[in-house]
Amino acid sequence: MSSDSLCLCGSNIDKEQCCAQLHSGARSAATAEALMRSRFTAYAQHNESYLLETWDSGKRPDGIDFSKEGDVEWTRLEIVGKKKGGEKDSKGIVEFKAYYTLEGEEYAMHEISRFVKKAGRWLYLDGMVKSVGKVGQQSNQGRNAPCPCGSGKKFKRCCGK
C-alpha cells in the first residue's frame, strides 16, 4: 500500500476504509478517538459539513471560516492520550498534537478535546489548546498563543472562538 493511499489521520489504514467512510456517512465513529481522527482529516480537507454535523449542537458554531488558514497545510495527527471514549462510554477525552506547515516551517498545535455520545453517536464537545508553536522550539502556551492559521491574532480571538 502506498503512503498516498493511507489516511491522513495516522491510522495506517487506507483512506477509503478509514475516515472517508465516516465523512460519507457510510458508518459512524465507534470511539471518541475515531471521531477525533476523522475530524482532523475533515479539517485538513475543509469539509465544513462533516465538522458541523459531528459537533455537539450546544457548542456548534454557525460556520467555519477556512479563509483564515492562509497557506496552512495540515500534515499529520499524533494521539498523545485518551481517557474513556470507548464504544461503551458516554464521554471521552482525546489529547492530540496536530502538525501543519506554514511558509515551509513545521508547527504543532497541542489540544485536549472533549467528546460526548448522544443517541449512540459520538460528537465533539469542545477543546482546550495547550500550546501552539514551531516543532523543535519552545511553544507558546494555550489560548493566548498565536493562532495556527497565521492570522496574527491570538488563538482565543480567532479559530479558538
C-alpha atoms as a PDB file:
ATOM      1  CA  MET A   1       0.000   0.000   0.000  1.00  0.00           C
ATOM      2  CA  SER A   2       1.464   3.377  -0.968  1.00  0.00           C
ATOM      3  CA  SER A   3       1.740   6.199   1.551  1.00  0.00           C
ATOM      4  CA  ASP A   4      -0.537   8.277  -0.731  1.00  0.00           C
ATOM      5  CA  SER A   5      -3.403   5.858  -0.116  1.00  0.00           C
ATOM      6  CA  LEU A   6      -3.018   5.937   3.682  1.00  0.00           C
ATOM      7  CA  CYS A   7      -5.443   8.085   5.639  1.00  0.00           C
ATOM      8  CA  LEU A   8      -4.099  11.423   6.852  1.00  0.00           C
ATOM      9  CA  CYS A   9      -5.384  10.677  10.377  1.00  0.00           C
ATOM     10  CA  GLY A  10      -2.381   8.452  11.102  1.00  0.00           C
ATOM     11  CA  SER A  11      -4.305   5.205  11.490  1.00  0.00           C
ATOM     12  CA  ASN A  12      -2.112   3.453   8.862  1.00  0.00           C
ATOM     13  CA  ILE A  13      -5.319   2.341   7.148  1.00  0.00           C
ATOM     14  CA  ASP A  14      -6.269   3.029   3.535  1.00  0.00           C
ATOM     15  CA  LYS A  15      -8.196   6.331   3.454  1.00  0.00           C
ATOM     16  CA  GLU A  16     -11.162   4.732   1.666  1.00  0.00           C
ATOM     17  CA  GLN A  17     -11.501   2.225   4.528  1.00  0.00           C
ATOM     18  CA  CYS A  18     -10.914   4.833   7.247  1.00  0.00           C
ATOM     19  CA  CYS A  19     -12.095   8.449   7.522  1.00  0.00           C
ATOM     20  CA  ALA A  20     -13.670   8.575   4.054  1.00  0.00           C
ATOM     21  CA  GLN A  21     -16.343   6.134   5.267  1.00  0.00           C
ATOM     22  CA  LEU A  22     -17.137   8.401   8.207  1.00  0.00           C
ATOM     23  CA  HIS A  23     -17.177  11.524   6.026  1.00  0.00           C
ATOM     24  CA  SER A  24     -19.582   9.896   3.565  1.00  0.00           C
ATOM     25  CA  GLY A  25     -21.921   8.678   6.318  1.00  0.00           C
ATOM     26  CA  ALA A  26     -21.357   5.015   5.426  1.00  0.00           C
ATOM     27  CA  ARG A  27     -20.607   4.446   9.112  1.00  0.00           C
ATOM     28  CA  SER A  28     -20.246   6.416  12.353  1.00  0.00           C
ATOM     29  CA  ALA A  29     -17.201   6.716  14.580  1.00  0.00           C
ATOM     30  CA  ALA A  30     -17.159   3.868  17.111  1.00  0.00           C
ATOM     31  CA  THR A  31     -14.949   5.752  19.586  1.00  0.00           C
ATOM     32  CA  ALA A  32     -14.063   9.316  20.544  1.00  0.00           C
ATOM     33  CA  GLU A  33     -10.578   8.765  19.114  1.00  0.00           C
ATOM     34  CA  ALA A  34     -12.014   7.637  15.764  1.00  0.00           C
ATOM     35  CA  LEU A  35     -14.153  10.783  15.667  1.00  0.00           C
ATOM     36  CA  MET A  36     -11.100  12.923  16.534  1.00  0.00           C
ATOM     37  CA  ARG A  37      -9.125  11.343  13.708  1.00  0.00           C
ATOM     38  CA  SER A  38     -11.963  11.842  11.215  1.00  0.00           C
ATOM     39  CA  ARG A  39     -12.433  15.470  12.278  1.00  0.00           C
ATOM     40  CA  PHE A  40      -8.711  16.178  11.813  1.00  0.00           C
ATOM     41  CA  THR A  41      -8.889  14.774   8.288  1.00  0.00           C
ATOM     42  CA  ALA A  42     -12.094  16.716   7.598  1.00  0.00           C
ATOM     43  CA  TYR A  43     -10.449  19.910   8.842  1.00  0.00           C
ATOM     44  CA  ALA A  44      -7.438  19.344   6.584  1.00  0.00           C
ATOM     45  CA  GLN A  45      -9.849  18.832   3.659  1.00  0.00           C
ATOM     46  CA  HIS A  46     -12.024  21.858   4.589  1.00  0.00           C
ATOM     47  CA  ASN A  47     -15.035  19.552   4.973  1.00  0.00           C
ATOM     48  CA  GLU A  48     -17.208  22.041   6.854  1.00  0.00           C
ATOM     49  CA  SER A  49     -20.418  19.999   6.683  1.00  0.00           C
ATOM     50  CA  TYR A  50     -18.845  16.962   8.389  1.00  0.00           C
ATOM     51  CA  LEU A  51     -17.228  19.089  11.075  1.00  0.00           C
ATOM     52  CA  LEU A  52     -20.503  20.853  11.877  1.00  0.00           C
ATOM     53  CA  GLU A  53     -22.620  17.676  11.886  1.00  0.00           C
ATOM     54  CA  THR A  54     -20.179  15.972  14.306  1.00  0.00           C
ATOM     55  CA  TRP A  55     -20.155  18.967  16.689  1.00  0.00           C
ATOM     56  CA  ASP A  56     -22.481  18.934  19.712  1.00  0.00           C
ATOM     57  CA  SER A  57     -25.396  21.263  18.917  1.00  0.00           C
ATOM     58  CA  GLY A  58     -24.966  23.183  22.183  1.00  0.00           C
ATOM     59  CA  LYS A  59     -21.416  24.250  21.237  1.00  0.00           C
ATOM     60  CA  ARG A  60     -21.563  24.215  17.419  1.00  0.00           C
ATOM     61  CA  PRO A  61     -20.674  27.471  15.632  1.00  0.00           C
ATOM     62  CA  ASP A  62     -22.733  28.737  12.698  1.00  0.00           C
ATOM     63  CA  GLY A  63     -19.887  28.009  10.302  1.00  0.00           C
ATOM     64  CA  ILE A  64     -16.142  27.561   9.922  1.00  0.00           C
ATOM     65  CA  ASP A  65     -14.057  30.184   8.143  1.00  0.00           C
ATOM     66  CA  PHE A  66     -11.233  28.309   6.416  1.00  0.00           C
ATOM     67  CA  SER A  67     -10.029  31.514   4.741  1.00  0.00           C
ATOM     68  CA  LYS A  68      -8.179  32.380   7.979  1.00  0.00           C
ATOM     69  CA  GLU A  69      -5.826  29.460   7.385  1.00  0.00           C
ATOM     70  CA  GLY A  70      -3.906  31.041   4.539  1.00  0.00           C
ATOM     71  CA  ASP A  71      -1.197  28.649   3.354  1.00  0.00           C
ATOM     72  CA  VAL A  72      -1.519  26.224   6.280  1.00  0.00           C
ATOM     73  CA  GLU A  73      -1.235  22.561   5.269  1.00  0.00           C
ATOM     74  CA  TRP A  74      -2.260  20.046   7.925  1.00  0.00           C
ATOM     75  CA  THR A  75       0.179  17.145   7.642  1.00  0.00           C
ATOM     76  CA  ARG A  76      -0.293  14.630  10.454  1.00  0.00           C
ATOM     77  CA  LEU A  77      -2.003  13.798  13.711  1.00  0.00           C
ATOM     78  CA  GLU A  78      -0.464  12.305  16.835  1.00  0.00           C
ATOM     79  CA  ILE A  79      -2.724  10.964  19.581  1.00  0.00           C
ATOM     80  CA  VAL A  80      -0.976  11.771  22.868  1.00  0.00           C
ATOM     81  CA  GLY A  81      -3.507  10.124  25.178  1.00  0.00           C
ATOM     82  CA  LYS A  82      -7.136   9.360  25.779  1.00  0.00           C
ATOM     83  CA  LYS A  83      -9.450   8.882  28.717  1.00  0.00           C
ATOM     84  CA  LYS A  84     -12.585   6.817  28.247  1.00  0.00           C
ATOM     85  CA  GLY A  85     -14.277   7.413  24.883  1.00  0.00           C
ATOM     86  CA  GLY A  86     -14.677   3.720  24.103  1.00  0.00           C
ATOM     87  CA  GLU A  87     -17.634   2.025  22.455  1.00  0.00           C
ATOM     88  CA  LYS A  88     -19.448   1.562  25.789  1.00  0.00           C
ATOM     89  CA  ASP A  89     -18.646   5.027  27.212  1.00  0.00           C
ATOM     90  CA  SER A  90     -20.785   8.171  27.030  1.00  0.00           C
ATOM     91  CA  LYS A  91     -17.932  10.669  27.455  1.00  0.00           C
ATOM     92  CA  GLY A  92     -14.345  10.790  26.350  1.00  0.00           C
ATOM     93  CA  ILE A  93     -11.246  12.958  26.221  1.00  0.00           C
ATOM     94  CA  VAL A  94      -8.596  12.805  23.492  1.00  0.00           C
ATOM     95  CA  GLU A  95      -5.292  14.649  23.784  1.00  0.00           C
ATOM     96  CA  PHE A  96      -3.529  15.167  20.477  1.00  0.00           C
ATOM     97  CA  LYS A  97      -0.976  17.122  18.510  1.00  0.00           C
ATOM     98  CA  ALA A  98      -1.981  18.311  15.051  1.00  0.00           C
ATOM     99  CA  TYR A  99       1.002  19.118  12.845  1.00  0.00           C
ATOM    100  CA  TYR A 100       0.970  21.585   9.988  1.00  0.00           C
ATOM    101  CA  THR A 101       3.321  23.507   7.762  1.00  0.00           C
ATOM    102  CA  LEU A 102       3.247  27.234   7.188  1.00  0.00           C
ATOM    103  CA  GLU A 103       5.749  29.004   4.940  1.00  0.00           C
ATOM    104  CA  GLY A 104       7.974  25.923   4.904  1.00  0.00           C
ATOM    105  CA  GLU A 105       8.134  25.599   8.704  1.00  0.00           C
ATOM    106  CA  GLU A 106       6.567  22.773  10.726  1.00  0.00           C
ATOM    107  CA  TYR A 107       4.296  23.689  13.624  1.00  0.00           C
ATOM    108  CA  ALA A 108       2.228  21.725  16.113  1.00  0.00           C
ATOM    109  CA  MET A 109      -0.976  22.527  17.955  1.00  0.00           C
ATOM    110  CA  HIS A 110      -1.386  20.533  21.180  1.00  0.00           C
ATOM    111  CA  GLU A 111      -5.009  20.242  22.298  1.00  0.00           C
ATOM    112  CA  ILE A 112      -7.218  18.326  24.711  1.00  0.00           C
ATOM    113  CA  SER A 113     -10.684  17.727  23.265  1.00  0.00           C
ATOM    114  CA  ARG A 114     -13.856  16.539  24.961  1.00  0.00           C
ATOM    115  CA  PHE A 115     -16.418  14.290  23.315  1.00  0.00           C
ATOM    116  CA  VAL A 116     -19.899  13.146  24.261  1.00  0.00           C
ATOM    117  CA  LYS A 117     -22.006  10.274  22.968  1.00  0.00           C
ATOM    118  CA  LYS A 118     -25.654  11.092  22.294  1.00  0.00           C
ATOM    119  CA  ALA A 119     -28.179   8.678  20.807  1.00  0.00           C
ATOM    120  CA  GLY A 120     -25.329   6.247  20.131  1.00  0.00           C
ATOM    121  CA  ARG A 121     -23.280   8.794  18.161  1.00  0.00           C
ATOM    122  CA  TRP A 122     -20.004  10.445  19.194  1.00  0.00           C
ATOM    123  CA  LEU A 123     -19.906  14.257  18.978  1.00  0.00           C
ATOM    124  CA  TYR A 124     -17.161  16.816  19.535  1.00  0.00           C
ATOM    125  CA  LEU A 125     -17.985  18.986  22.541  1.00  0.00           C
ATOM    126  CA  ASP A 126     -15.057  21.398  22.910  1.00  0.00           C
ATOM    127  CA  GLY A 127     -11.301  21.606  23.289  1.00  0.00           C
ATOM    128  CA  MET A 128      -8.563  23.419  25.136  1.00  0.00           C
ATOM    129  CA  VAL A 129      -5.367  24.323  23.325  1.00  0.00           C
ATOM    130  CA  LYS A 130      -2.333  23.582  25.486  1.00  0.00           C
ATOM    131  CA  SER A 131       0.264  25.018  23.119  1.00  0.00           C
ATOM    132  CA  VAL A 132       0.997  26.146  19.575  1.00  0.00           C
ATOM    133  CA  GLY A 133       4.444  26.600  18.112  1.00  0.00           C
ATOM    134  CA  LYS A 134       7.235  25.567  15.801  1.00  0.00           C
ATOM    135  CA  VAL A 135       8.306  21.969  16.134  1.00  0.00           C
ATOM    136  CA  GLY A 136      11.631  21.730  17.957  1.00  0.00           C
ATOM    137  CA  GLN A 137      11.280  25.092  19.685  1.00  0.00           C
ATOM    138  CA  GLN A 138       9.617  26.073  22.906  1.00  0.00           C
ATOM    139  CA  SER A 139       5.963  26.631  22.082  1.00  0.00           C
ATOM    140  CA  ASN A 140       3.616  29.388  23.108  1.00  0.00           C
ATOM    141  CA  GLN A 141       1.057  28.255  25.621  1.00  0.00           C
ATOM    142  CA  GLY A 142      -2.696  27.955  25.384  1.00  0.00           C
ATOM    143  CA  ARG A 143      -5.400  30.278  24.184  1.00  0.00           C
ATOM    144  CA  ASN A 144      -3.084  33.305  24.251  1.00  0.00           C
ATOM    145  CA  ALA A 145      -0.756  31.689  21.715  1.00  0.00           C
ATOM    146  CA  PRO A 146      -0.717  32.973  18.133  1.00  0.00           C
ATOM    147  CA  CYS A 147      -3.375  31.255  16.058  1.00  0.00           C
ATOM    148  CA  PRO A 148      -2.013  28.421  13.892  1.00  0.00           C
ATOM    149  CA  CYS A 149      -3.967  29.765  10.926  1.00  0.00           C
ATOM    150  CA  GLY A 150      -1.382  32.529  10.544  1.00  0.00           C
ATOM    151  CA  SER A 151      -3.813  35.428  11.025  1.00  0.00           C
ATOM    152  CA  GLY A 152      -1.535  37.131  13.548  1.00  0.00           C
ATOM    153  CA  LYS A 153      -4.330  37.113  16.144  1.00  0.00           C
ATOM    154  CA  LYS A 154      -4.342  35.217  19.422  1.00  0.00           C
ATOM    155  CA  PHE A 155      -5.874  31.742  19.137  1.00  0.00           C
ATOM    156  CA  LYS A 156      -8.742  32.690  21.500  1.00  0.00           C
ATOM    157  CA  ARG A 157      -9.716  35.637  19.263  1.00  0.00           C
ATOM    158  CA  CYS A 158      -9.511  33.671  16.016  1.00  0.00           C
ATOM    159  CA  CYS A 159     -10.022  29.928  15.443  1.00  0.00           C
ATOM    160  CA  GLY A 160     -10.481  29.301  19.178  1.00  0.00           C
ATOM    161  CA  LYS A 161     -13.764  31.236  19.325  1.00  0.00           C
END
